[in-house]
C-alpha atoms as a PDB file:
ATOM      1  CA  MET A   1      -5.682 -12.881 -25.606  1.00  0.00           C
ATOM      2  CA  ARG A   2      -3.849  -9.932 -26.734  1.00  0.00           C
ATOM      3  CA  PRO A   3      -1.928  -7.173 -24.307  1.00  0.00           C
ATOM      4  CA  LYS A   4      -3.725  -4.255 -23.394  1.00  0.00           C
ATOM      5  CA  GLU A   5      -0.801  -2.029 -25.481  1.00  0.00           C
ATOM      6  CA  ARG A   6      -0.005   1.232 -23.675  1.00  0.00           C
ATOM      7  CA  ARG A   7      -0.665   4.447 -25.794  1.00  0.00           C
ATOM      8  CA  ASP A   8       0.863   7.882 -25.462  1.00  0.00           C
ATOM      9  CA  SER A   9      -2.359  10.108 -25.264  1.00  0.00           C
ATOM     10  CA  GLY A  10      -0.120  13.440 -24.656  1.00  0.00           C
ATOM     11  CA  GLN A  11      -2.944  14.166 -21.717  1.00  0.00           C
ATOM     12  CA  SER A  12      -1.057  15.615 -18.971  1.00  0.00           C
ATOM     13  CA  ASP A  13      -2.593  13.947 -15.840  1.00  0.00           C
ATOM     14  CA  LEU A  14      -3.085  16.381 -12.237  1.00  0.00           C
ATOM     15  CA  PHE A  15      -1.246  13.543  -9.970  1.00  0.00           C
ATOM     16  CA  LYS A  16       1.294  11.665 -12.567  1.00  0.00           C
ATOM     17  CA  ALA A  17       4.567  13.843 -14.407  1.00  0.00           C
ATOM     18  CA  ARG A  18       4.999  12.394 -17.632  1.00  0.00           C
ATOM     19  CA  LEU A  19       8.656  10.646 -18.096  1.00  0.00           C
ATOM     20  CA  ASP A  20       9.165  13.286 -21.030  1.00  0.00           C
ATOM     21  CA  GLN A  21       9.129  16.015 -18.603  1.00  0.00           C
ATOM     22  CA  ILE A  22      11.478  14.934 -16.393  1.00  0.00           C
ATOM     23  CA  VAL A  23      13.996  13.308 -18.373  1.00  0.00           C
ATOM     24  CA  ASP A  24      16.874  14.227 -20.829  1.00  0.00           C
ATOM     25  CA  LEU A  25      15.728  12.778 -24.070  1.00  0.00           C
ATOM     26  CA  GLY A  26      19.022  13.171 -25.469  1.00  0.00           C
ATOM     27  CA  HIS A  27      19.949   9.948 -23.224  1.00  0.00           C
ATOM     28  CA  PRO A  28      21.037   6.844 -25.399  1.00  0.00           C
ATOM     29  CA  LEU A  29      18.149   4.783 -23.837  1.00  0.00           C
ATOM     30  CA  ALA A  30      15.854   7.643 -25.001  1.00  0.00           C
ATOM     31  CA  ARG A  31      16.953   8.065 -28.419  1.00  0.00           C
ATOM     32  CA  LEU A  32      17.033   4.498 -28.743  1.00  0.00           C
ATOM     33  CA  ALA A  33      13.503   3.842 -27.681  1.00  0.00           C
ATOM     34  CA  ALA A  34      12.613   6.470 -30.343  1.00  0.00           C
ATOM     35  CA  THR A  35      13.965   4.565 -33.103  1.00  0.00           C
ATOM     36  CA  ILE A  36      12.469   1.119 -32.250  1.00  0.00           C
ATOM     37  CA  ASP A  37       9.298   0.726 -34.159  1.00  0.00           C
ATOM     38  CA  TRP A  38       7.069  -0.685 -31.149  1.00  0.00           C
ATOM     39  CA  ARG A  39       4.030  -1.005 -32.857  1.00  0.00           C
ATOM     40  CA  PHE A  40       6.484  -3.603 -35.481  1.00  0.00           C
ATOM     41  CA  LEU A  41       6.855  -5.579 -32.309  1.00  0.00           C
ATOM     42  CA  GLU A  42       3.182  -5.813 -31.081  1.00  0.00           C
ATOM     43  CA  GLU A  43       2.000  -7.173 -34.459  1.00  0.00           C
ATOM     44  CA  ARG A  44       4.734  -9.416 -34.635  1.00  0.00           C
ATOM     45  CA  PHE A  45       4.578 -11.017 -30.900  1.00  0.00           C
ATOM     46  CA  GLY A  46       0.492 -10.277 -30.440  1.00  0.00           C
ATOM     47  CA  ALA A  47       0.014 -13.106 -33.374  1.00  0.00           C
ATOM     48  CA  VAL A  48       1.466 -15.678 -31.308  1.00  0.00           C
ATOM     49  CA  TYR A  49      -0.687 -14.398 -28.010  1.00  0.00           C
ATOM     50  CA  THR A  50      -4.128 -16.676 -27.652  1.00  0.00           C
ATOM     51  CA  ASP A  51      -7.281 -16.788 -25.686  1.00  0.00           C
ATOM     52  CA  LYS A  52      -6.722 -19.767 -23.691  1.00  0.00           C
ATOM     53  CA  LEU A  53      -7.390 -18.969 -20.099  1.00  0.00           C
ATOM     54  CA  GLY A  54      -3.748 -18.073 -18.297  1.00  0.00           C
ATOM     55  CA  GLN A  55      -2.229 -15.088 -16.796  1.00  0.00           C
ATOM     56  CA  PRO A  56      -3.106 -12.076 -18.740  1.00  0.00           C
ATOM     57  CA  PRO A  57       0.034 -10.985 -21.291  1.00  0.00           C
ATOM     58  CA  LEU A  58       1.649  -7.955 -20.056  1.00  0.00           C
ATOM     59  CA  PRO A  59       2.275  -5.588 -22.851  1.00  0.00           C
ATOM     60  CA  THR A  60       4.608  -6.105 -25.987  1.00  0.00           C
ATOM     61  CA  ARG A  61       7.054  -3.223 -25.315  1.00  0.00           C
ATOM     62  CA  LEU A  62       7.279  -4.122 -21.538  1.00  0.00           C
ATOM     63  CA  MET A  63       8.682  -7.154 -22.314  1.00  0.00           C
ATOM     64  CA  ALA A  64      10.620  -6.363 -25.182  1.00  0.00           C
ATOM     65  CA  GLY A  65      12.071  -3.568 -23.447  1.00  0.00           C
ATOM     66  CA  LEU A  66      13.408  -5.832 -20.636  1.00  0.00           C
ATOM     67  CA  SER A  67      14.751  -8.532 -22.860  1.00  0.00           C
ATOM     68  CA  ILE A  68      16.825  -5.778 -24.554  1.00  0.00           C
ATOM     69  CA  LEU A  69      17.700  -3.978 -21.303  1.00  0.00           C
ATOM     70  CA  LYS A  70      18.710  -7.691 -19.976  1.00  0.00           C
ATOM     71  CA  HIS A  71      20.833  -8.832 -22.647  1.00  0.00           C
ATOM     72  CA  THR A  72      22.069  -5.463 -23.479  1.00  0.00           C
ATOM     73  CA  HIS A  73      23.806  -4.638 -19.856  1.00  0.00           C
ATOM     74  CA  ASP A  74      24.283  -8.757 -19.080  1.00  0.00           C
ATOM     75  CA  LEU A  75      21.733  -7.933 -16.077  1.00  0.00           C
ATOM     76  CA  SER A  76      19.592 -11.051 -14.135  1.00  0.00           C
ATOM     77  CA  ASP A  77      16.441 -10.743 -13.646  1.00  0.00           C
ATOM     78  CA  GLU A  78      16.425  -9.659  -9.968  1.00  0.00           C
ATOM     79  CA  GLU A  79      18.883  -7.115 -11.143  1.00  0.00           C
ATOM     80  CA  LEU A  80      16.856  -5.637 -13.884  1.00  0.00           C
ATOM     81  CA  CYS A  81      13.685  -5.336 -11.559  1.00  0.00           C
ATOM     82  CA  ALA A  82      15.491  -3.360  -9.188  1.00  0.00           C
ATOM     83  CA  ARG A  83      17.135  -0.928 -12.110  1.00  0.00           C
ATOM     84  CA  TRP A  84      14.186  -0.646 -13.334  1.00  0.00           C
ATOM     85  CA  ILE A  85      12.517   0.565 -10.513  1.00  0.00           C
ATOM     86  CA  GLU A  86      14.874   3.189  -9.724  1.00  0.00           C
ATOM     87  CA  ASN A  87      16.031   3.914 -13.464  1.00  0.00           C
ATOM     88  CA  PRO A  88      13.283   6.573 -15.068  1.00  0.00           C
ATOM     89  CA  TYR A  89      15.291   5.732 -18.285  1.00  0.00           C
ATOM     90  CA  TYR A  90      14.798   2.091 -18.009  1.00  0.00           C
ATOM     91  CA  GLN A  91      10.681   2.775 -17.635  1.00  0.00           C
ATOM     92  CA  LEU A  92      10.668   4.943 -20.468  1.00  0.00           C
ATOM     93  CA  PHE A  93      12.738   2.736 -22.585  1.00  0.00           C
ATOM     94  CA  CYS A  94      10.205   0.338 -21.917  1.00  0.00           C
ATOM     95  CA  ASP A  95       7.130   2.117 -21.385  1.00  0.00           C
ATOM     96  CA  GLY A  96       6.928   5.260 -23.511  1.00  0.00           C
ATOM     97  CA  MET A  97       6.204   8.812 -21.934  1.00  0.00           C
ATOM     98  CA  ASP A  98       3.082   7.918 -19.796  1.00  0.00           C
ATOM     99  CA  GLY A  99       5.491   7.265 -16.536  1.00  0.00           C
ATOM    100  CA  PRO A 100       6.208   3.963 -15.143  1.00  0.00           C
ATOM    101  CA  ALA A 101       3.757   1.034 -14.876  1.00  0.00           C
ATOM    102  CA  PRO A 102       3.895  -1.243 -11.956  1.00  0.00           C
ATOM    103  CA  ALA A 103       7.131  -2.869 -11.344  1.00  0.00           C
ATOM    104  CA  PRO A 104       7.269  -6.180 -13.262  1.00  0.00           C
ATOM    105  CA  SER A 105       6.840  -9.484 -11.400  1.00  0.00           C
ATOM    106  CA  TRP A 106       9.658 -11.965 -12.221  1.00  0.00           C
ATOM    107  CA  GLY A 107       7.497 -14.634 -10.576  1.00  0.00           C
ATOM    108  CA  CYS A 108       4.823 -13.980 -12.983  1.00  0.00           C
ATOM    109  CA  MET A 109       6.811 -13.604 -15.615  1.00  0.00           C
ATOM    110  CA  GLY A 110       9.519 -16.824 -15.782  1.00  0.00           C
ATOM    111  CA  LEU A 111      12.127 -15.147 -17.813  1.00  0.00           C
ATOM    112  CA  PRO A 112      15.307 -17.865 -18.502  1.00  0.00           C
ATOM    113  CA  ALA A 113      18.377 -17.709 -17.410  1.00  0.00           C
ATOM    114  CA  LYS A 114      20.736 -17.195 -20.425  1.00  0.00           C
ATOM    115  CA  GLU A 115      21.733 -20.415 -22.329  1.00  0.00           C
ATOM    116  CA  SER A 116      25.304 -19.903 -22.202  1.00  0.00           C
ATOM    117  CA  ASP A 117      25.169 -19.616 -18.225  1.00  0.00           C
ATOM    118  CA  MET A 118      22.956 -22.533 -18.180  1.00  0.00           C
ATOM    119  CA  SER A 119      25.096 -24.576 -20.040  1.00  0.00           C
ATOM    120  CA  THR A 120      28.236 -23.706 -18.091  1.00  0.00           C
ATOM    121  CA  ILE A 121      26.711 -24.851 -14.727  1.00  0.00           C
ATOM    122  CA  ALA A 122      28.152 -27.793 -13.138  1.00  0.00           C
ATOM    123  CA  ILE A 123      27.078 -27.936  -9.758  1.00  0.00           C
ATOM    124  CA  ILE A 124      23.586 -26.491  -8.295  1.00  0.00           C
ATOM    125  CA  GLY A 125      22.840 -25.452  -4.475  1.00  0.00           C
ATOM    126  CA  LEU A 126      19.487 -26.083  -3.550  1.00  0.00           C
ATOM    127  CA  ASP A 127      17.775 -24.577  -0.734  1.00  0.00           C
ATOM    128  CA  ILE A 128      14.053 -26.032   0.340  1.00  0.00           C
ATOM    129  CA  ALA A 129      11.846 -24.326   1.723  1.00  0.00           C
ATOM    130  CA  LYS A 130       8.026 -24.380   1.871  1.00  0.00           C
ATOM    131  CA  ASN A 131       7.063 -22.499  -1.356  1.00  0.00           C
ATOM    132  CA  VAL A 132      10.133 -20.330  -3.006  1.00  0.00           C
ATOM    133  CA  PHE A 133      13.247 -22.540  -3.307  1.00  0.00           C
ATOM    134  CA  GLN A 134      16.597 -20.503  -3.565  1.00  0.00           C
ATOM    135  CA  VAL A 135      19.054 -21.821  -6.632  1.00  0.00           C
ATOM    136  CA  HIS A 136      22.901 -21.179  -6.729  1.00  0.00           C
ATOM    137  CA  GLY A 137      24.688 -22.683 -10.049  1.00  0.00           C
ATOM    138  CA  ALA A 138      28.108 -22.733 -10.014  1.00  0.00           C
ATOM    139  CA  ALA A 139      30.271 -23.238 -13.597  1.00  0.00           C
ATOM    140  CA  ALA A 140      33.112 -26.333 -12.319  1.00  0.00           C
ATOM    141  CA  ASP A 141      36.187 -23.870 -11.704  1.00  0.00           C
ATOM    142  CA  GLY A 142      33.432 -22.685  -9.003  1.00  0.00           C
ATOM    143  CA  ALA A 143      32.600 -19.312 -10.516  1.00  0.00           C
ATOM    144  CA  PRO A 144      29.020 -18.481 -10.009  1.00  0.00           C
ATOM    145  CA  VAL A 145      27.061 -18.478 -12.762  1.00  0.00           C
ATOM    146  CA  LEU A 146      23.259 -18.390 -11.398  1.00  0.00           C
ATOM    147  CA  LYS A 147      21.159 -16.941  -8.296  1.00  0.00           C
ATOM    148  CA  ARG A 148      17.424 -17.537  -8.805  1.00  0.00           C
ATOM    149  CA  GLN A 149      14.268 -17.868  -6.741  1.00  0.00           C
ATOM    150  CA  ILE A 150      12.000 -20.498  -8.017  1.00  0.00           C
ATOM    151  CA  ARG A 151       8.554 -21.646  -6.486  1.00  0.00           C
ATOM    152  CA  ARG A 152       7.816 -25.021  -5.619  1.00  0.00           C
ATOM    153  CA  GLY A 153       5.761 -25.927  -9.353  1.00  0.00           C
ATOM    154  CA  GLN A 154       8.578 -25.013 -11.041  1.00  0.00           C
ATOM    155  CA  VAL A 155      11.690 -26.986  -9.729  1.00  0.00           C
ATOM    156  CA  LEU A 156      11.265 -30.085 -11.877  1.00  0.00           C
ATOM    157  CA  THR A 157      11.168 -27.853 -15.247  1.00  0.00           C
ATOM    158  CA  PHE A 158      13.813 -25.766 -14.034  1.00  0.00           C
ATOM    159  CA  PHE A 159      15.673 -28.908 -13.531  1.00  0.00           C
ATOM    160  CA  ALA A 160      14.316 -30.974 -16.680  1.00  0.00           C
ATOM    161  CA  ASN A 161      15.543 -27.621 -19.231  1.00  0.00           C
ATOM    162  CA  LEU A 162      19.142 -28.334 -17.388  1.00  0.00           C
ATOM    163  CA  SER A 163      21.943 -30.268 -18.583  1.00  0.00           C
ATOM    164  CA  PRO A 164      23.114 -32.862 -15.862  1.00  0.00           C
ATOM    165  CA  CYS A 165      25.076 -31.789 -13.676  1.00  0.00           C
ATOM    166  CA  VAL A 166      25.924 -32.074  -9.472  1.00  0.00           C
ATOM    167  CA  VAL A 167      22.637 -31.383  -7.144  1.00  0.00           C
ATOM    168  CA  ALA A 168      23.289 -30.336  -3.537  1.00  0.00           C
ATOM    169  CA  LEU A 169      20.712 -30.444  -0.818  1.00  0.00           C
ATOM    170  CA  GLU A 170      20.662 -30.248   3.013  1.00  0.00           C
ATOM    171  CA  ALA A 171      19.082 -33.239   4.044  1.00  0.00           C
ATOM    172  CA  CYS A 172      15.626 -32.290   5.448  1.00  0.00           C
ATOM    173  CA  PHE A 173      12.159 -33.960   5.510  1.00  0.00           C
ATOM    174  CA  THR A 174      11.156 -33.481   1.950  1.00  0.00           C
ATOM    175  CA  ALA A 175      15.516 -33.647   0.956  1.00  0.00           C
ATOM    176  CA  HIS A 176      14.725 -37.142   0.146  1.00  0.00           C
ATOM    177  CA  PHE A 177      11.434 -36.618  -1.743  1.00  0.00           C
ATOM    178  CA  TRP A 178      13.627 -33.888  -4.260  1.00  0.00           C
ATOM    179  CA  ALA A 179      16.306 -36.193  -4.447  1.00  0.00           C
ATOM    180  CA  ARG A 180      14.320 -38.975  -5.779  1.00  0.00           C
ATOM    181  CA  GLU A 181      12.526 -36.599  -8.310  1.00  0.00           C
ATOM    182  CA  ILE A 182      15.632 -35.063  -9.512  1.00  0.00           C
ATOM    183  CA  GLY A 183      17.727 -38.012  -9.784  1.00  0.00           C
ATOM    184  CA  LYS A 184      15.012 -39.709 -12.462  1.00  0.00           C
ATOM    185  CA  ILE A 185      15.389 -36.416 -14.618  1.00  0.00           C
ATOM    186  CA  GLY A 186      19.475 -37.573 -14.552  1.00  0.00           C
ATOM    187  CA  HIS A 187      21.002 -35.097 -12.141  1.00  0.00           C
ATOM    188  CA  GLU A 188      23.264 -36.620  -9.722  1.00  0.00           C
ATOM    189  CA  VAL A 189      22.331 -35.912  -6.091  1.00  0.00           C
ATOM    190  CA  ARG A 190      23.626 -35.566  -3.368  1.00  0.00           C
ATOM    191  CA  MET A 191      22.391 -34.612  -0.031  1.00  0.00           C
ATOM    192  CA  ILE A 192      24.776 -32.927   2.552  1.00  0.00           C
ATOM    193  CA  PRO A 193      23.724 -33.224   6.808  1.00  0.00           C
ATOM    194  CA  PRO A 194      22.802 -30.285   8.465  1.00  0.00           C
END
């Protein structure tokens, strides 16, 4: 199913200000947004959408714009979301003139970390919780590389896509289960006493 793309209608809304009325259109992000052929991206990316069941797709401009901003400014998913919420130029770049759409939900987008960061991870600290786990990754020199929240259903997929490393987790009731499952994937699991 193709996403419902937002179109600039040129109409005013009594209760919502248009972004082009409140921002400087000479700002670099506004000028860049005007030069990108968004319809071309919608056509190219729209070809890969399917009509099968699943989560409805987000607008192509929003996803492409967020990806461009994330890699241009070297931001994590959380940092990008925080900046997008408070920066009207990010909203203009990703959504056009009609004003901001609802804030992106990173949990459902599943945006991956940069591949270069993922390959440098030597150790991961996994904080186990009921539904949302916290993952902290560090390089061999101890420099932080990754900080992310993942849902319970994404844990094994996340570790399967990661090169073998040391995974440390606190010994608790479910830690033995996760240690076995993560160990089967090829990681060295170490449990830390509470």
